[in-house]
Amino acid sequence: MLTYKVTGRDSEWSQEHYSVYVSSAGNDIADFTEALFEETLPASGKGTGESFKEVSLDISEFAGMANVYIAFRHHDCVGERELHLRDISLESEFPLGQVDISSSELLIYPNPNSGKISLKYRENQVGNSQIEIFSALGQLVLSMQDVTLSRAPLEIDLGNMPKGFYTLVVQGEGYCNQKQIIIE
């Protein structure tokens, strides 16, 4: 499931038109041939000015493919003022859909980052943790075993990862935390 929030930022001219494309062929413009979804935002209400509209799209037909690319296109409206997107997330049944989200004690900073992050817990030390980082497509890109987390930060270098959205999962006996991280 692809979920995001969208708005036409100028409340007097909010009727922005956009499309969402999904491709498994590549990320060149020519690879995005058919819109999965398109809409024109309303003149008032959700999706106008400061009021974001939440949209969820089923992209399960792309499940299991090695690479899936998502593109947002702002087009076919007078003036094409400002279209703002936020909280873009991609949920996967495996492995991310099996994670119990409880992340209030886990701190990750900076986020967004340039490839170096620090992790720490606000409270007690947590030993024998497993840290995994998944790409937006659910592919495991980093795994660390028997890690001890505490109030002292643990630094992780992700400088070799491409820019994009990732999901960090920290789990151990009796707990599992998940957070999104962004490499810019």
C-alpha atoms as a PDB file:
ATOM      1  CA  MET A   1       0.000   0.000   0.000  1.00  0.00           C
ATOM      2  CA  LEU A   2       1.332   3.405  -1.008  1.00  0.00           C
ATOM      3  CA  THR A   3       0.117   6.156   1.330  1.00  0.00           C
ATOM      4  CA  TYR A   4       0.809   9.889   1.202  1.00  0.00           C
ATOM      5  CA  LYS A   5      -0.640  13.286   2.063  1.00  0.00           C
ATOM      6  CA  VAL A   6      -1.148  15.971  -0.574  1.00  0.00           C
ATOM      7  CA  THR A   7      -2.349  19.571  -0.831  1.00  0.00           C
ATOM      8  CA  GLY A   8      -2.495  22.452  -3.282  1.00  0.00           C
ATOM      9  CA  ARG A   9      -0.663  24.967  -1.101  1.00  0.00           C
ATOM     10  CA  ASP A  10      -2.161  28.181  -2.445  1.00  0.00           C
ATOM     11  CA  SER A  11      -5.645  28.159  -0.888  1.00  0.00           C
ATOM     12  CA  GLU A  12      -6.951  30.577  -3.545  1.00  0.00           C
ATOM     13  CA  TRP A  13      -5.665  28.406  -6.415  1.00  0.00           C
ATOM     14  CA  SER A  14      -5.617  24.904  -4.940  1.00  0.00           C
ATOM     15  CA  GLN A  15      -7.115  22.905  -7.816  1.00  0.00           C
ATOM     16  CA  GLU A  16      -3.824  21.292  -8.776  1.00  0.00           C
ATOM     17  CA  HIS A  17      -3.872  18.184 -10.986  1.00  0.00           C
ATOM     18  CA  TYR A  18      -1.374  15.378 -10.446  1.00  0.00           C
ATOM     19  CA  SER A  19      -0.799  11.724 -11.300  1.00  0.00           C
ATOM     20  CA  VAL A  20       0.964   8.821  -9.613  1.00  0.00           C
ATOM     21  CA  TYR A  21       2.920   6.424 -11.790  1.00  0.00           C
ATOM     22  CA  VAL A  22       4.471   3.061 -10.893  1.00  0.00           C
ATOM     23  CA  SER A  23       7.063   1.286 -13.032  1.00  0.00           C
ATOM     24  CA  SER A  24       9.039  -1.928 -12.735  1.00  0.00           C
ATOM     25  CA  ALA A  25      11.047  -1.209 -15.907  1.00  0.00           C
ATOM     26  CA  GLY A  26      13.200   1.647 -14.596  1.00  0.00           C
ATOM     27  CA  ASN A  27      13.131   5.243 -13.434  1.00  0.00           C
ATOM     28  CA  ASP A  28      13.533   7.102 -16.724  1.00  0.00           C
ATOM     29  CA  ILE A  29      10.583   9.278 -17.739  1.00  0.00           C
ATOM     30  CA  ALA A  30       9.815   6.905 -20.630  1.00  0.00           C
ATOM     31  CA  ASP A  31       9.405   3.994 -18.172  1.00  0.00           C
ATOM     32  CA  PHE A  32       6.338   5.592 -16.558  1.00  0.00           C
ATOM     33  CA  THR A  33       3.777   4.920 -19.274  1.00  0.00           C
ATOM     34  CA  GLU A  34       0.424   4.633 -17.495  1.00  0.00           C
ATOM     35  CA  ALA A  35      -0.916   6.537 -14.493  1.00  0.00           C
ATOM     36  CA  LEU A  36      -1.976   4.363 -11.577  1.00  0.00           C
ATOM     37  CA  PHE A  37      -4.004   7.253 -10.128  1.00  0.00           C
ATOM     38  CA  GLU A  38      -4.752  10.856 -10.960  1.00  0.00           C
ATOM     39  CA  GLU A  39      -6.898  13.583  -9.519  1.00  0.00           C
ATOM     40  CA  THR A  40      -7.558  17.298  -9.397  1.00  0.00           C
ATOM     41  CA  LEU A  41      -7.505  18.630  -5.846  1.00  0.00           C
ATOM     42  CA  PRO A  42     -10.659  20.410  -4.644  1.00  0.00           C
ATOM     43  CA  ALA A  43     -11.267  24.160  -4.400  1.00  0.00           C
ATOM     44  CA  SER A  44     -11.931  23.875  -0.652  1.00  0.00           C
ATOM     45  CA  GLY A  45     -11.630  21.384   2.192  1.00  0.00           C
ATOM     46  CA  LYS A  46      -9.050  18.590   2.501  1.00  0.00           C
ATOM     47  CA  GLY A  47      -6.250  19.011  -0.015  1.00  0.00           C
ATOM     48  CA  THR A  48      -6.415  22.816   0.128  1.00  0.00           C
ATOM     49  CA  GLY A  49      -3.873  25.202   1.667  1.00  0.00           C
ATOM     50  CA  GLU A  50      -2.681  23.877   5.034  1.00  0.00           C
ATOM     51  CA  SER A  51      -5.227  21.000   5.053  1.00  0.00           C
ATOM     52  CA  PHE A  52      -3.563  17.879   3.657  1.00  0.00           C
ATOM     53  CA  LYS A  53      -5.629  15.081   2.126  1.00  0.00           C
ATOM     54  CA  GLU A  54      -4.501  11.490   2.797  1.00  0.00           C
ATOM     55  CA  VAL A  55      -4.464   9.100  -0.167  1.00  0.00           C
ATOM     56  CA  SER A  56      -3.877   5.320  -0.104  1.00  0.00           C
ATOM     57  CA  LEU A  57      -3.222   3.342  -3.276  1.00  0.00           C
ATOM     58  CA  ASP A  58      -3.093  -0.422  -3.655  1.00  0.00           C
ATOM     59  CA  ILE A  59       0.074  -1.320  -5.572  1.00  0.00           C
ATOM     60  CA  SER A  60       0.006  -5.042  -4.725  1.00  0.00           C
ATOM     61  CA  GLU A  61       0.219  -5.934  -8.417  1.00  0.00           C
ATOM     62  CA  PHE A  62       3.902  -4.952  -8.159  1.00  0.00           C
ATOM     63  CA  ALA A  63       4.599  -7.189  -5.139  1.00  0.00           C
ATOM     64  CA  GLY A  64       7.570  -9.513  -5.551  1.00  0.00           C
ATOM     65  CA  MET A  65       9.189  -7.519  -8.335  1.00  0.00           C
ATOM     66  CA  ALA A  66      12.900  -6.837  -7.882  1.00  0.00           C
ATOM     67  CA  ASN A  67      12.593  -3.074  -8.486  1.00  0.00           C
ATOM     68  CA  VAL A  68       9.570  -0.811  -8.314  1.00  0.00           C
ATOM     69  CA  TYR A  69       9.748   2.916  -9.033  1.00  0.00           C
ATOM     70  CA  ILE A  70       7.142   5.501  -8.035  1.00  0.00           C
ATOM     71  CA  ALA A  71       6.751   8.940  -9.626  1.00  0.00           C
ATOM     72  CA  PHE A  72       4.458  11.867  -8.883  1.00  0.00           C
ATOM     73  CA  ARG A  73       3.664  14.202 -11.804  1.00  0.00           C
ATOM     74  CA  HIS A  74       2.132  17.677 -11.384  1.00  0.00           C
ATOM     75  CA  HIS A  75       0.490  18.615 -14.701  1.00  0.00           C
ATOM     76  CA  ASP A  76      -2.500  19.804 -16.747  1.00  0.00           C
ATOM     77  CA  CYS A  77      -3.619  22.701 -14.583  1.00  0.00           C
ATOM     78  CA  VAL A  78      -3.581  26.437 -15.135  1.00  0.00           C
ATOM     79  CA  GLY A  79      -0.534  28.038 -13.561  1.00  0.00           C
ATOM     80  CA  GLU A  80       0.683  24.804 -11.908  1.00  0.00           C
ATOM     81  CA  ARG A  81       1.291  26.643  -8.674  1.00  0.00           C
ATOM     82  CA  GLU A  82       2.373  24.502  -5.719  1.00  0.00           C
ATOM     83  CA  LEU A  83       1.625  20.866  -5.029  1.00  0.00           C
ATOM     84  CA  HIS A  84       2.969  19.636  -1.673  1.00  0.00           C
ATOM     85  CA  LEU A  85       3.430  15.978  -0.724  1.00  0.00           C
ATOM     86  CA  ARG A  86       4.420  14.616   2.677  1.00  0.00           C
ATOM     87  CA  ASP A  87       4.399  11.440   4.786  1.00  0.00           C
ATOM     88  CA  ILE A  88       4.962   9.206   1.768  1.00  0.00           C
ATOM     89  CA  SER A  89       5.100   5.586   2.916  1.00  0.00           C
ATOM     90  CA  LEU A  90       5.175   2.194   1.309  1.00  0.00           C
ATOM     91  CA  GLU A  91       3.986  -0.794   3.313  1.00  0.00           C
ATOM     92  CA  SER A  92       5.010  -4.327   2.481  1.00  0.00           C
ATOM     93  CA  GLU A  93       3.647  -7.612   3.785  1.00  0.00           C
ATOM     94  CA  PHE A  94       7.139  -9.078   3.944  1.00  0.00           C
ATOM     95  CA  PRO A  95       9.084  -8.293   5.978  1.00  0.00           C
ATOM     96  CA  LEU A  96       7.831  -4.858   7.080  1.00  0.00           C
ATOM     97  CA  GLY A  97       4.167  -5.777   7.490  1.00  0.00           C
ATOM     98  CA  GLN A  98       5.046  -8.215  10.283  1.00  0.00           C
ATOM     99  CA  VAL A  99       6.680  -5.593  12.482  1.00  0.00           C
ATOM    100  CA  ASP A 100       4.959  -4.321  15.623  1.00  0.00           C
ATOM    101  CA  ILE A 101       5.452  -0.568  15.635  1.00  0.00           C
ATOM    102  CA  SER A 102       6.323   0.884  19.046  1.00  0.00           C
ATOM    103  CA  SER A 103       8.968   3.520  18.542  1.00  0.00           C
ATOM    104  CA  SER A 104       8.474   6.237  21.137  1.00  0.00           C
ATOM    105  CA  GLU A 105      11.658   5.331  23.044  1.00  0.00           C
ATOM    106  CA  LEU A 106      13.933   5.040  19.985  1.00  0.00           C
ATOM    107  CA  LEU A 107      15.597   8.246  18.775  1.00  0.00           C
ATOM    108  CA  ILE A 108      17.167   8.540  15.324  1.00  0.00           C
ATOM    109  CA  TYR A 109      19.007  11.687  14.295  1.00  0.00           C
ATOM    110  CA  PRO A 110      19.587  13.514  12.104  1.00  0.00           C
ATOM    111  CA  ASN A 111      16.620  12.552   9.969  1.00  0.00           C
ATOM    112  CA  PRO A 112      16.704  13.349   7.075  1.00  0.00           C
ATOM    113  CA  ASN A 113      20.454  12.700   6.888  1.00  0.00           C
ATOM    114  CA  SER A 114      23.337  12.526   4.430  1.00  0.00           C
ATOM    115  CA  GLY A 115      24.220   8.915   5.208  1.00  0.00           C
ATOM    116  CA  LYS A 116      25.250   8.983   8.860  1.00  0.00           C
ATOM    117  CA  ILE A 117      22.709   8.417  11.618  1.00  0.00           C
ATOM    118  CA  SER A 118      22.823   8.048  15.379  1.00  0.00           C
ATOM    119  CA  LEU A 119      20.500   5.759  17.359  1.00  0.00           C
ATOM    120  CA  LYS A 120      19.805   5.815  21.047  1.00  0.00           C
ATOM    121  CA  TYR A 121      17.113   4.940  23.558  1.00  0.00           C
ATOM    122  CA  ARG A 122      15.692   7.584  25.866  1.00  0.00           C
ATOM    123  CA  GLU A 123      15.532   5.291  28.860  1.00  0.00           C
ATOM    124  CA  ASN A 124      17.184   1.988  29.782  1.00  0.00           C
ATOM    125  CA  GLN A 125      19.879   0.062  27.981  1.00  0.00           C
ATOM    126  CA  VAL A 126      18.642  -2.577  25.554  1.00  0.00           C
ATOM    127  CA  GLY A 127      21.021  -5.441  24.782  1.00  0.00           C
ATOM    128  CA  ASN A 128      21.063  -8.208  22.195  1.00  0.00           C
ATOM    129  CA  SER A 129      19.234  -6.080  19.656  1.00  0.00           C
ATOM    130  CA  GLN A 130      19.081  -6.763  15.963  1.00  0.00           C
ATOM    131  CA  ILE A 131      19.124  -3.748  13.649  1.00  0.00           C
ATOM    132  CA  GLU A 132      17.924  -4.090  10.064  1.00  0.00           C
ATOM    133  CA  ILE A 133      17.472  -1.471   7.391  1.00  0.00           C
ATOM    134  CA  PHE A 134      15.162  -2.081   4.439  1.00  0.00           C
ATOM    135  CA  SER A 135      14.815  -0.184   1.174  1.00  0.00           C
ATOM    136  CA  ALA A 136      11.432   1.279   0.205  1.00  0.00           C
ATOM    137  CA  LEU A 137      10.822  -1.970  -1.680  1.00  0.00           C
ATOM    138  CA  GLY A 138      11.339  -4.123   1.409  1.00  0.00           C
ATOM    139  CA  GLN A 139      14.813  -5.369   0.455  1.00  0.00           C
ATOM    140  CA  LEU A 140      17.240  -5.865   3.351  1.00  0.00           C
ATOM    141  CA  VAL A 141      20.205  -3.513   2.833  1.00  0.00           C
ATOM    142  CA  LEU A 142      21.908  -3.672   6.262  1.00  0.00           C
ATOM    143  CA  SER A 143      21.814  -6.098   9.181  1.00  0.00           C
ATOM    144  CA  MET A 144      23.582  -5.833  12.550  1.00  0.00           C
ATOM    145  CA  GLN A 145      23.364  -8.547  15.244  1.00  0.00           C
ATOM    146  CA  ASP A 146      23.890  -8.472  19.048  1.00  0.00           C
ATOM    147  CA  VAL A 147      23.876  -4.682  19.285  1.00  0.00           C
ATOM    148  CA  THR A 148      23.538  -2.908  22.633  1.00  0.00           C
ATOM    149  CA  LEU A 149      21.585   0.352  22.546  1.00  0.00           C
ATOM    150  CA  SER A 150      21.452   2.848  25.404  1.00  0.00           C
ATOM    151  CA  ARG A 151      21.361   6.585  26.047  1.00  0.00           C
ATOM    152  CA  ALA A 152      24.814   6.784  24.427  1.00  0.00           C
ATOM    153  CA  PRO A 153      24.388   7.144  20.661  1.00  0.00           C
ATOM    154  CA  LEU A 154      25.293   4.332  18.272  1.00  0.00           C
ATOM    155  CA  GLU A 155      26.528   5.749  14.977  1.00  0.00           C
ATOM    156  CA  ILE A 156      25.720   3.962  11.719  1.00  0.00           C
ATOM    157  CA  ASP A 157      27.327   4.930   8.411  1.00  0.00           C
ATOM    158  CA  LEU A 158      24.926   4.592   5.475  1.00  0.00           C
ATOM    159  CA  GLY A 159      27.051   6.680   3.110  1.00  0.00           C
ATOM    160  CA  ASN A 160      27.149   3.890   0.515  1.00  0.00           C
ATOM    161  CA  MET A 161      23.319   3.779   0.244  1.00  0.00           C
ATOM    162  CA  PRO A 162      21.522   5.638  -2.551  1.00  0.00           C
ATOM    163  CA  LYS A 163      19.357   8.606  -1.609  1.00  0.00           C
ATOM    164  CA  GLY A 164      15.809   7.672  -0.653  1.00  0.00           C
ATOM    165  CA  PHE A 165      13.429   6.347   1.981  1.00  0.00           C
ATOM    166  CA  TYR A 166      14.424   3.441   4.225  1.00  0.00           C
ATOM    167  CA  THR A 167      12.850   1.621   7.148  1.00  0.00           C
ATOM    168  CA  LEU A 168      14.940   0.933  10.229  1.00  0.00           C
ATOM    169  CA  VAL A 169      13.818  -1.989  12.405  1.00  0.00           C
ATOM    170  CA  VAL A 170      15.264  -2.586  15.871  1.00  0.00           C
ATOM    171  CA  GLN A 171      14.110  -5.770  17.543  1.00  0.00           C
ATOM    172  CA  GLY A 172      14.984  -8.034  20.419  1.00  0.00           C
ATOM    173  CA  GLU A 173      13.307 -10.176  23.028  1.00  0.00           C
ATOM    174  CA  GLY A 174       9.909  -8.642  23.757  1.00  0.00           C
ATOM    175  CA  TYR A 175      10.210  -5.483  21.660  1.00  0.00           C
ATOM    176  CA  CYS A 176      10.269  -4.282  18.081  1.00  0.00           C
ATOM    177  CA  ASN A 177      10.640  -0.682  16.890  1.00  0.00           C
ATOM    178  CA  GLN A 178      10.306   0.631  13.355  1.00  0.00           C
ATOM    179  CA  LYS A 179      11.111   4.106  12.021  1.00  0.00           C
ATOM    180  CA  GLN A 180      11.477   5.641   8.597  1.00  0.00           C
ATOM    181  CA  ILE A 181      14.752   7.294   7.707  1.00  0.00           C
ATOM    182  CA  ILE A 182      15.539   9.495   4.739  1.00  0.00           C
ATOM    183  CA  ILE A 183      18.952   9.734   3.064  1.00  0.00           C
ATOM    184  CA  GLU A 184      19.325  12.959   1.075  1.00  0.00           C
END
